[in-house]
């Protein structure tokens, strides 16, 4: 993949940049394939935060 400024792949703007022709869908897909999937880390953090919340005496984050 040719060097493309990674800020063009910002999820908040990438669709606009693709529509404008600043990057191609193929460049974005190729870049996306190189990004680490951190979803598992997010799930672990949510579980830890719930456990801390529960130990603080609250049954639900809605309280």
PDB file of N, CA and C in Angstrom:
ATOM      1  N   UNK A   1       0.845  -1.178   0.000  1.00  0.00           N
ATOM      2  CA  UNK A   1       0.000   0.000   0.000  1.00  0.00           C
ATOM      3  C   UNK A   1       0.887   1.236   0.000  1.00  0.00           C
ATOM      4  N   UNK A   2       0.563   2.178  -0.858  1.00  0.00           N
ATOM      5  CA  UNK A   2       1.353   3.398  -0.899  1.00  0.00           C
ATOM      6  C   UNK A   2       1.123   4.199   0.378  1.00  0.00           C
ATOM      7  N   UNK A   3       2.085   5.048   0.687  1.00  0.00           N
ATOM      8  CA  UNK A   3       1.977   5.831   1.911  1.00  0.00           C
ATOM      9  C   UNK A   3       0.856   6.859   1.781  1.00  0.00           C
ATOM     10  N   UNK A   4      -0.112   6.756   2.655  1.00  0.00           N
ATOM     11  CA  UNK A   4      -1.231   7.691   2.717  1.00  0.00           C
ATOM     12  C   UNK A   4      -1.314   8.186   4.145  1.00  0.00           C
ATOM     13  N   UNK A   5      -1.541   9.469   4.308  1.00  0.00           N
ATOM     14  CA  UNK A   5      -1.664  10.051   5.639  1.00  0.00           C
ATOM     15  C   UNK A   5      -2.767   9.329   6.412  1.00  0.00           C
ATOM     16  N   UNK A   6      -2.428   8.702   7.527  1.00  0.00           N
ATOM     17  CA  UNK A   6      -3.392   7.913   8.290  1.00  0.00           C
ATOM     18  C   UNK A   6      -4.542   8.744   8.843  1.00  0.00           C
ATOM     19  N   UNK A   7      -4.360  10.050   8.957  1.00  0.00           N
ATOM     20  CA  UNK A   7      -5.465  10.869   9.450  1.00  0.00           C
ATOM     21  C   UNK A   7      -6.633  10.870   8.465  1.00  0.00           C
ATOM     22  N   UNK A   8      -6.392  10.520   7.212  1.00  0.00           N
ATOM     23  CA  UNK A   8      -7.469  10.429   6.230  1.00  0.00           C
ATOM     24  C   UNK A   8      -8.387   9.250   6.513  1.00  0.00           C
ATOM     25  N   UNK A   9      -7.945   8.313   7.357  1.00  0.00           N
ATOM     26  CA  UNK A   9      -8.749   7.136   7.671  1.00  0.00           C
ATOM     27  C   UNK A   9      -9.546   7.309   8.965  1.00  0.00           C
ATOM     28  N   UNK A  10      -9.534   8.502   9.535  1.00  0.00           N
ATOM     29  CA  UNK A  10     -10.303   8.780  10.745  1.00  0.00           C
ATOM     30  C   UNK A  10     -11.757   8.402  10.507  1.00  0.00           C
ATOM     31  N   UNK A  11     -12.288   7.537  11.354  1.00  0.00           N
ATOM     32  CA  UNK A  11     -13.635   6.994  11.171  1.00  0.00           C
ATOM     33  C   UNK A  11     -14.695   8.092  11.085  1.00  0.00           C
ATOM     34  N   UNK A  12     -14.433   9.227  11.692  1.00  0.00           N
ATOM     35  CA  UNK A  12     -15.408  10.318  11.667  1.00  0.00           C
ATOM     36  C   UNK A  12     -15.483  10.995  10.308  1.00  0.00           C
ATOM     37  N   UNK A  13     -14.448  10.844   9.475  1.00  0.00           N
ATOM     38  CA  UNK A  13     -14.371  11.570   8.213  1.00  0.00           C
ATOM     39  C   UNK A  13     -14.140  10.712   6.974  1.00  0.00           C
ATOM     40  N   UNK A  14     -13.801   9.446   7.161  1.00  0.00           N
ATOM     41  CA  UNK A  14     -13.320   8.643   6.044  1.00  0.00           C
ATOM     42  C   UNK A  14     -14.325   8.542   4.899  1.00  0.00           C
ATOM     43  N   UNK A  15     -15.599   8.427   5.195  1.00  0.00           N
ATOM     44  CA  UNK A  15     -16.585   8.328   4.115  1.00  0.00           C
ATOM     45  C   UNK A  15     -16.588   9.594   3.263  1.00  0.00           C
ATOM     46  N   UNK A  16     -16.451  10.744   3.886  1.00  0.00           N
ATOM     47  CA  UNK A  16     -16.381  12.004   3.137  1.00  0.00           C
ATOM     48  C   UNK A  16     -15.116  12.044   2.286  1.00  0.00           C
ATOM     49  N   UNK A  17     -13.986  11.611   2.853  1.00  0.00           N
ATOM     50  CA  UNK A  17     -12.734  11.625   2.109  1.00  0.00           C
ATOM     51  C   UNK A  17     -12.786  10.668   0.921  1.00  0.00           C
ATOM     52  N   UNK A  18     -13.459   9.540   1.093  1.00  0.00           N
ATOM     53  CA  UNK A  18     -13.621   8.599  -0.020  1.00  0.00           C
ATOM     54  C   UNK A  18     -14.486   9.243  -1.102  1.00  0.00           C
ATOM     55  N   UNK A  19     -15.582   9.876  -0.712  1.00  0.00           N
ATOM     56  CA  UNK A  19     -16.473  10.537  -1.679  1.00  0.00           C
ATOM     57  C   UNK A  19     -15.756  11.655  -2.430  1.00  0.00           C
ATOM     58  N   UNK A  20     -14.851  12.350  -1.737  1.00  0.00           N
ATOM     59  CA  UNK A  20     -14.089  13.436  -2.355  1.00  0.00           C
ATOM     60  C   UNK A  20     -12.938  12.920  -3.204  1.00  0.00           C
ATOM     61  N   UNK A  21     -12.617  11.635  -3.089  1.00  0.00           N
ATOM     62  CA  UNK A  21     -11.512  11.070  -3.847  1.00  0.00           C
ATOM     63  C   UNK A  21     -10.152  11.263  -3.211  1.00  0.00           C
ATOM     64  N   UNK A  22     -10.130  11.685  -1.953  1.00  0.00           N
ATOM     65  CA  UNK A  22      -8.848  11.875  -1.270  1.00  0.00           C
ATOM     66  C   UNK A  22      -8.192  10.541  -0.940  1.00  0.00           C
ATOM     67  N   UNK A  23      -9.000   9.521  -0.704  1.00  0.00           N
ATOM     68  CA  UNK A  23      -8.533   8.147  -0.535  1.00  0.00           C
ATOM     69  C   UNK A  23      -9.526   7.249  -1.261  1.00  0.00           C
ATOM     70  N   UNK A  24      -9.085   6.058  -1.591  1.00  0.00           N
ATOM     71  CA  UNK A  24      -9.980   5.105  -2.252  1.00  0.00           C
ATOM     72  C   UNK A  24     -10.503   4.113  -1.221  1.00  0.00           C
ATOM     73  N   UNK A  25     -11.595   3.478  -1.551  1.00  0.00           N
ATOM     74  CA  UNK A  25     -12.156   2.436  -0.689  1.00  0.00           C
ATOM     75  C   UNK A  25     -11.127   1.311  -0.517  1.00  0.00           C
ATOM     76  N   UNK A  26     -10.390   1.020  -1.579  1.00  0.00           N
ATOM     77  CA  UNK A  26      -9.374  -0.040  -1.516  1.00  0.00           C
ATOM     78  C   UNK A  26      -8.261   0.337  -0.546  1.00  0.00           C
ATOM     79  N   UNK A  27      -7.833   1.599  -0.563  1.00  0.00           N
ATOM     80  CA  UNK A  27      -6.801   2.036   0.380  1.00  0.00           C
ATOM     81  C   UNK A  27      -7.318   1.930   1.811  1.00  0.00           C
ATOM     82  N   UNK A  28      -8.555   2.337   2.017  1.00  0.00           N
ATOM     83  CA  UNK A  28      -9.136   2.271   3.361  1.00  0.00           C
ATOM     84  C   UNK A  28      -9.261   0.828   3.819  1.00  0.00           C
ATOM     85  N   UNK A  29      -9.758  -0.055   2.955  1.00  0.00           N
ATOM     86  CA  UNK A  29      -9.902  -1.469   3.319  1.00  0.00           C
ATOM     87  C   UNK A  29      -8.553  -2.101   3.625  1.00  0.00           C
ATOM     88  N   UNK A  30      -7.531  -1.752   2.839  1.00  0.00           N
ATOM     89  CA  UNK A  30      -6.188  -2.288   3.076  1.00  0.00           C
ATOM     90  C   UNK A  30      -5.657  -1.795   4.420  1.00  0.00           C
ATOM     91  N   UNK A  31      -5.857  -0.525   4.729  1.00  0.00           N
ATOM     92  CA  UNK A  31      -5.405   0.017   6.011  1.00  0.00           C
ATOM     93  C   UNK A  31      -6.159  -0.634   7.158  1.00  0.00           C
ATOM     94  N   UNK A  32      -7.466  -0.785   7.001  1.00  0.00           N
ATOM     95  CA  UNK A  32      -8.305  -1.373   8.041  1.00  0.00           C
ATOM     96  C   UNK A  32      -7.875  -2.801   8.360  1.00  0.00           C
ATOM     97  N   UNK A  33      -7.417  -3.526   7.356  1.00  0.00           N
ATOM     98  CA  UNK A  33      -6.962  -4.901   7.564  1.00  0.00           C
ATOM     99  C   UNK A  33      -5.696  -4.960   8.423  1.00  0.00           C
ATOM    100  N   UNK A  34      -4.955  -3.859   8.508  1.00  0.00           N
ATOM    101  CA  UNK A  34      -3.717  -3.845   9.297  1.00  0.00           C
ATOM    102  C   UNK A  34      -3.932  -3.400  10.736  1.00  0.00           C
ATOM    103  N   UNK A  35      -5.111  -2.877  11.052  1.00  0.00           N
ATOM    104  CA  UNK A  35      -5.382  -2.350  12.388  1.00  0.00           C
ATOM    105  C   UNK A  35      -5.747  -3.489  13.331  1.00  0.00           C
ATOM    106  N   UNK A  36      -5.154  -3.458  14.517  1.00  0.00           N
ATOM    107  CA  UNK A  36      -5.417  -4.492  15.518  1.00  0.00           C
ATOM    108  C   UNK A  36      -6.862  -4.417  16.011  1.00  0.00           C
ATOM    109  N   UNK A  37      -7.488  -5.556  16.176  1.00  0.00           N
ATOM    110  CA  UNK A  37      -8.845  -5.630  16.724  1.00  0.00           C
ATOM    111  C   UNK A  37      -8.736  -5.615  18.246  1.00  0.00           C
ATOM    112  N   UNK A  38      -9.171  -4.543  18.857  1.00  0.00           N
ATOM    113  CA  UNK A  38      -9.070  -4.374  20.305  1.00  0.00           C
ATOM    114  C   UNK A  38     -10.403  -4.587  21.009  1.00  0.00           C
ATOM    115  N   UNK A  39     -11.372  -5.160  20.325  1.00  0.00           N
ATOM    116  CA  UNK A  39     -12.703  -5.349  20.907  1.00  0.00           C
ATOM    117  C   UNK A  39     -12.632  -6.151  22.201  1.00  0.00           C
ATOM    118  N   UNK A  40     -11.809  -7.159  22.246  1.00  0.00           N
ATOM    119  CA  UNK A  40     -11.704  -8.002  23.439  1.00  0.00           C
ATOM    120  C   UNK A  40     -11.244  -7.178  24.635  1.00  0.00           C
ATOM    121  N   UNK A  41     -10.315  -6.254  24.421  1.00  0.00           N
ATOM    122  CA  UNK A  41      -9.836  -5.409  25.515  1.00  0.00           C
ATOM    123  C   UNK A  41     -10.958  -4.533  26.048  1.00  0.00           C
ATOM    124  N   UNK A  42     -11.826  -4.045  25.165  1.00  0.00           N
ATOM    125  CA  UNK A  42     -12.957  -3.235  25.596  1.00  0.00           C
ATOM    126  C   UNK A  42     -13.924  -4.031  26.440  1.00  0.00           C
ATOM    127  N   UNK A  43     -14.172  -5.283  26.066  1.00  0.00           N
ATOM    128  CA  UNK A  43     -15.065  -6.134  26.841  1.00  0.00           C
ATOM    129  C   UNK A  43     -14.489  -6.383  28.226  1.00  0.00           C
ATOM    130  N   UNK A  44     -13.185  -6.613  28.307  1.00  0.00           N
ATOM    131  CA  UNK A  44     -12.554  -6.843  29.598  1.00  0.00           C
ATOM    132  C   UNK A  44     -12.663  -5.612  30.487  1.00  0.00           C
ATOM    133  N   UNK A  45     -12.487  -4.425  29.914  1.00  0.00           N
ATOM    134  CA  UNK A  45     -12.598  -3.188  30.686  1.00  0.00           C
ATOM    135  C   UNK A  45     -14.007  -3.011  31.217  1.00  0.00           C
ATOM    136  N   UNK A  46     -15.010  -3.308  30.398  1.00  0.00           N
ATOM    137  CA  UNK A  46     -16.396  -3.165  30.835  1.00  0.00           C
ATOM    138  C   UNK A  46     -16.699  -4.100  31.991  1.00  0.00           C
ATOM    139  N   UNK A  47     -16.195  -5.315  31.923  1.00  0.00           N
ATOM    140  CA  UNK A  47     -16.419  -6.272  33.012  1.00  0.00           C
ATOM    141  C   UNK A  47     -15.742  -5.785  34.281  1.00  0.00           C
ATOM    142  N   UNK A  48     -14.521  -5.289  34.171  1.00  0.00           N
ATOM    143  CA  UNK A  48     -13.816  -4.777  35.352  1.00  0.00           C
ATOM    144  C   UNK A  48     -14.546  -3.594  35.962  1.00  0.00           C
ATOM    145  N   UNK A  49     -15.038  -2.688  35.129  1.00  0.00           N
ATOM    146  CA  UNK A  49     -15.749  -1.520  35.642  1.00  0.00           C
ATOM    147  C   UNK A  49     -17.035  -1.937  36.337  1.00  0.00           C
ATOM    148  N   UNK A  50     -17.744  -2.930  35.805  1.00  0.00           N
ATOM    149  CA  UNK A  50     -18.958  -3.416  36.443  1.00  0.00           C
ATOM    150  C   UNK A  50     -18.643  -4.049  37.797  1.00  0.00           C
ATOM    151  N   UNK A  51     -17.548  -4.781  37.869  1.00  0.00           N
ATOM    152  CA  UNK A  51     -17.166  -5.415  39.131  1.00  0.00           C
ATOM    153  C   UNK A  51     -16.840  -4.367  40.186  1.00  0.00           C
ATOM    154  N   UNK A  52     -16.125  -3.316  39.818  1.00  0.00           N
ATOM    155  CA  UNK A  52     -15.800  -2.246  40.763  1.00  0.00           C
ATOM    156  C   UNK A  52     -17.075  -1.558  41.209  1.00  0.00           C
ATOM    157  N   UNK A  53     -17.964  -1.308  40.278  1.00  0.00           N
ATOM    158  CA  UNK A  53     -19.235  -0.663  40.595  1.00  0.00           C
ATOM    159  C   UNK A  53     -20.038  -1.512  41.584  1.00  0.00           C
ATOM    160  N   UNK A  54     -20.092  -2.806  41.325  1.00  0.00           N
ATOM    161  CA  UNK A  54     -20.847  -3.709  42.192  1.00  0.00           C
ATOM    162  C   UNK A  54     -20.241  -3.736  43.587  1.00  0.00           C
ATOM    163  N   UNK A  55     -18.915  -3.805  43.668  1.00  0.00           N
ATOM    164  CA  UNK A  55     -18.251  -3.838  44.974  1.00  0.00           C
ATOM    165  C   UNK A  55     -18.444  -2.543  45.747  1.00  0.00           C
ATOM    166  N   UNK A  56     -18.740  -1.448  45.061  1.00  0.00           N
ATOM    167  CA  UNK A  56     -18.930  -0.166  45.759  1.00  0.00           C
ATOM    168  C   UNK A  56     -20.305  -0.108  46.427  1.00  0.00           C
ATOM    169  N   UNK A  57     -21.127  -1.162  46.251  1.00  0.00           N
ATOM    170  CA  UNK A  57     -22.406  -1.226  46.926  1.00  0.00           C
ATOM    171  C   UNK A  57     -23.586  -0.910  46.027  1.00  0.00           C
ATOM    172  N   UNK A  58     -23.343  -0.531  44.798  1.00  0.00           N
ATOM    173  CA  UNK A  58     -24.418  -0.228  43.884  1.00  0.00           C
ATOM    174  C   UNK A  58     -24.719  -1.462  43.052  1.00  0.00           C
ATOM    175  N   UNK A  59     -25.965  -1.758  42.849  1.00  0.00           N
ATOM    176  CA  UNK A  59     -26.364  -2.946  42.097  1.00  0.00           C
ATOM    177  C   UNK A  59     -26.367  -2.705  40.597  1.00  0.00           C
ATOM    178  N   UNK A  60     -26.548  -1.462  40.190  1.00  0.00           N
ATOM    179  CA  UNK A  60     -26.682  -1.164  38.781  1.00  0.00           C
ATOM    180  C   UNK A  60     -26.071   0.195  38.496  1.00  0.00           C
ATOM    181  N   UNK A  61     -25.562   0.376  37.305  1.00  0.00           N
ATOM    182  CA  UNK A  61     -25.009   1.688  36.940  1.00  0.00           C
ATOM    183  C   UNK A  61     -26.134   2.694  36.727  1.00  0.00           C
ATOM    184  N   UNK A  62     -27.396   2.249  36.712  1.00  0.00           N
ATOM    185  CA  UNK A  62     -28.533   3.147  36.515  1.00  0.00           C
ATOM    186  C   UNK A  62     -28.933   3.862  37.805  1.00  0.00           C
ATOM    187  N   UNK A  63     -28.412   3.409  38.938  1.00  0.00           N
ATOM    188  CA  UNK A  63     -28.802   3.992  40.225  1.00  0.00           C
ATOM    189  C   UNK A  63     -28.076   5.297  40.455  1.00  0.00           C
TER     190      UNK A  63
END
